[in-house]
Amino acid sequence: MIVQLMSLLGTTLVLSAYFAVAYTGKKATTPLVTYLNVLGSILLLLTACALFNVGFIFLNVAWIGIGILSYRKARNVRPDEIARANG
């Protein structure tokens, strides 16, 4: 039961991040989207480990890594570059 709840919550977080980018115009590198993706993937990773689903483990480790890298990249952008990009 706990594994199923973790799976549902993780899926909800990852889909919420996707929805935020696809339908509200949020950038994928914003802290909110990154946190939703990383936290959701951590929950899904724990679920995959509990069920020993190797493909799902690999997918979520990669997803967590991509989320962290995109957040770090966004934090390294200079303020003048942000101002230029926003017009």
C-alpha atoms as a PDB file:
ATOM      1  CA  MET A   1       0.000   0.000   0.000  1.00  0.00           C
ATOM      2  CA  ILE A   2       2.790   2.445   0.908  1.00  0.00           C
ATOM      3  CA  VAL A   3       4.621   1.694  -2.352  1.00  0.00           C
ATOM      4  CA  GLN A   4       1.459   2.409  -4.345  1.00  0.00           C
ATOM      5  CA  LEU A   5       0.918   5.734  -2.545  1.00  0.00           C
ATOM      6  CA  MET A   6       4.540   6.743  -3.180  1.00  0.00           C
ATOM      7  CA  SER A   7       4.122   5.823  -6.821  1.00  0.00           C
ATOM      8  CA  LEU A   8       0.931   7.858  -7.179  1.00  0.00           C
ATOM      9  CA  LEU A   9       2.421  10.893  -5.422  1.00  0.00           C
ATOM     10  CA  GLY A  10       5.624  10.715  -7.482  1.00  0.00           C
ATOM     11  CA  THR A  11       3.666  10.438 -10.714  1.00  0.00           C
ATOM     12  CA  THR A  12       1.461  13.369  -9.697  1.00  0.00           C
ATOM     13  CA  LEU A  13       4.511  15.547  -8.993  1.00  0.00           C
ATOM     14  CA  VAL A  14       6.219  14.724 -12.303  1.00  0.00           C
ATOM     15  CA  LEU A  15       3.015  15.269 -14.283  1.00  0.00           C
ATOM     16  CA  SER A  16       2.405  18.551 -12.448  1.00  0.00           C
ATOM     17  CA  ALA A  17       5.856  19.738 -13.560  1.00  0.00           C
ATOM     18  CA  TYR A  18       5.071  18.749 -17.149  1.00  0.00           C
ATOM     19  CA  PHE A  19       1.706  20.523 -16.984  1.00  0.00           C
ATOM     20  CA  ALA A  20       3.353  23.671 -15.604  1.00  0.00           C
ATOM     21  CA  VAL A  21       5.747  23.793 -18.551  1.00  0.00           C
ATOM     22  CA  ALA A  22       3.321  22.745 -21.273  1.00  0.00           C
ATOM     23  CA  TYR A  23       0.246  24.730 -20.290  1.00  0.00           C
ATOM     24  CA  THR A  24       1.179  27.610 -17.986  1.00  0.00           C
ATOM     25  CA  GLY A  25       4.303  28.843 -19.740  1.00  0.00           C
ATOM     26  CA  LYS A  26       6.674  28.126 -16.846  1.00  0.00           C
ATOM     27  CA  LYS A  27      10.241  27.457 -17.910  1.00  0.00           C
ATOM     28  CA  ALA A  28      11.567  23.970 -17.260  1.00  0.00           C
ATOM     29  CA  THR A  29      14.486  25.461 -15.323  1.00  0.00           C
ATOM     30  CA  THR A  30      12.409  27.285 -12.711  1.00  0.00           C
ATOM     31  CA  PRO A  31      12.895  26.068  -9.139  1.00  0.00           C
ATOM     32  CA  LEU A  32       9.267  24.940  -8.828  1.00  0.00           C
ATOM     33  CA  VAL A  33       9.372  22.749 -11.928  1.00  0.00           C
ATOM     34  CA  THR A  34      12.776  21.360 -10.980  1.00  0.00           C
ATOM     35  CA  TYR A  35      11.665  20.525  -7.431  1.00  0.00           C
ATOM     36  CA  LEU A  36       8.502  18.833  -8.685  1.00  0.00           C
ATOM     37  CA  ASN A  37      10.504  16.755 -11.169  1.00  0.00           C
ATOM     38  CA  VAL A  38      13.264  15.782  -8.753  1.00  0.00           C
ATOM     39  CA  LEU A  39      10.993  15.011  -5.790  1.00  0.00           C
ATOM     40  CA  GLY A  40       8.585  13.068  -7.973  1.00  0.00           C
ATOM     41  CA  SER A  41      11.438  11.094  -9.501  1.00  0.00           C
ATOM     42  CA  ILE A  42      12.906  10.323  -6.076  1.00  0.00           C
ATOM     43  CA  LEU A  43       9.577   8.863  -4.991  1.00  0.00           C
ATOM     44  CA  LEU A  44       9.316   6.878  -8.213  1.00  0.00           C
ATOM     45  CA  LEU A  45      12.912   5.706  -7.790  1.00  0.00           C
ATOM     46  CA  LEU A  46      12.123   4.397  -4.310  1.00  0.00           C
ATOM     47  CA  THR A  47       9.113   2.599  -5.738  1.00  0.00           C
ATOM     48  CA  ALA A  48      11.217   1.088  -8.527  1.00  0.00           C
ATOM     49  CA  CYS A  49      13.834  -0.070  -6.001  1.00  0.00           C
ATOM     50  CA  ALA A  50      11.150  -1.695  -3.844  1.00  0.00           C
ATOM     51  CA  LEU A  51       9.933  -3.630  -6.874  1.00  0.00           C
ATOM     52  CA  PHE A  52      13.448  -4.068  -8.347  1.00  0.00           C
ATOM     53  CA  ASN A  53      12.438  -2.677 -11.725  1.00  0.00           C
ATOM     54  CA  VAL A  54      15.834  -1.961 -13.310  1.00  0.00           C
ATOM     55  CA  GLY A  55      14.550  -0.024 -16.330  1.00  0.00           C
ATOM     56  CA  PHE A  56      12.433   2.213 -14.132  1.00  0.00           C
ATOM     57  CA  ILE A  57      15.384   2.711 -11.754  1.00  0.00           C
ATOM     58  CA  PHE A  58      17.579   3.831 -14.658  1.00  0.00           C
ATOM     59  CA  LEU A  59      14.891   6.169 -16.004  1.00  0.00           C
ATOM     60  CA  ASN A  60      14.396   7.901 -12.666  1.00  0.00           C
ATOM     61  CA  VAL A  61      18.102   8.236 -11.885  1.00  0.00           C
ATOM     62  CA  ALA A  62      18.518   9.893 -15.301  1.00  0.00           C
ATOM     63  CA  TRP A  63      15.478  12.127 -14.709  1.00  0.00           C
ATOM     64  CA  ILE A  64      16.826  13.247 -11.332  1.00  0.00           C
ATOM     65  CA  GLY A  65      20.215  13.996 -12.900  1.00  0.00           C
ATOM     66  CA  ILE A  66      18.684  16.007 -15.724  1.00  0.00           C
ATOM     67  CA  GLY A  67      16.559  17.974 -13.257  1.00  0.00           C
ATOM     68  CA  ILE A  68      19.534  18.833 -11.074  1.00  0.00           C
ATOM     69  CA  LEU A  69      21.690  19.809 -14.068  1.00  0.00           C
ATOM     70  CA  SER A  70      18.981  22.061 -15.529  1.00  0.00           C
ATOM     71  CA  TYR A  71      18.514  23.786 -12.167  1.00  0.00           C
ATOM     72  CA  ARG A  72      22.271  24.327 -11.782  1.00  0.00           C
ATOM     73  CA  LYS A  73      22.462  25.688 -15.322  1.00  0.00           C
ATOM     74  CA  ALA A  74      19.639  28.143 -14.603  1.00  0.00           C
ATOM     75  CA  ARG A  75      21.357  29.331 -11.415  1.00  0.00           C
ATOM     76  CA  ASN A  76      24.565  30.050 -13.334  1.00  0.00           C
ATOM     77  CA  VAL A  77      22.889  32.479 -15.762  1.00  0.00           C
ATOM     78  CA  ARG A  78      23.953  36.085 -15.184  1.00  0.00           C
ATOM     79  CA  PRO A  79      21.218  38.651 -14.331  1.00  0.00           C
ATOM     80  CA  ASP A  80      21.953  40.702 -17.462  1.00  0.00           C
ATOM     81  CA  GLU A  81      21.364  37.610 -19.616  1.00  0.00           C
ATOM     82  CA  ILE A  82      17.991  37.058 -17.909  1.00  0.00           C
ATOM     83  CA  ALA A  83      17.001  40.697 -18.528  1.00  0.00           C
ATOM     84  CA  ARG A  84      17.928  40.385 -22.214  1.00  0.00           C
ATOM     85  CA  ALA A  85      15.990  37.125 -22.573  1.00  0.00           C
ATOM     86  CA  ASN A  86      12.884  38.645 -20.962  1.00  0.00           C
ATOM     87  CA  GLY A  87      13.037  41.649 -23.251  1.00  0.00           C
END
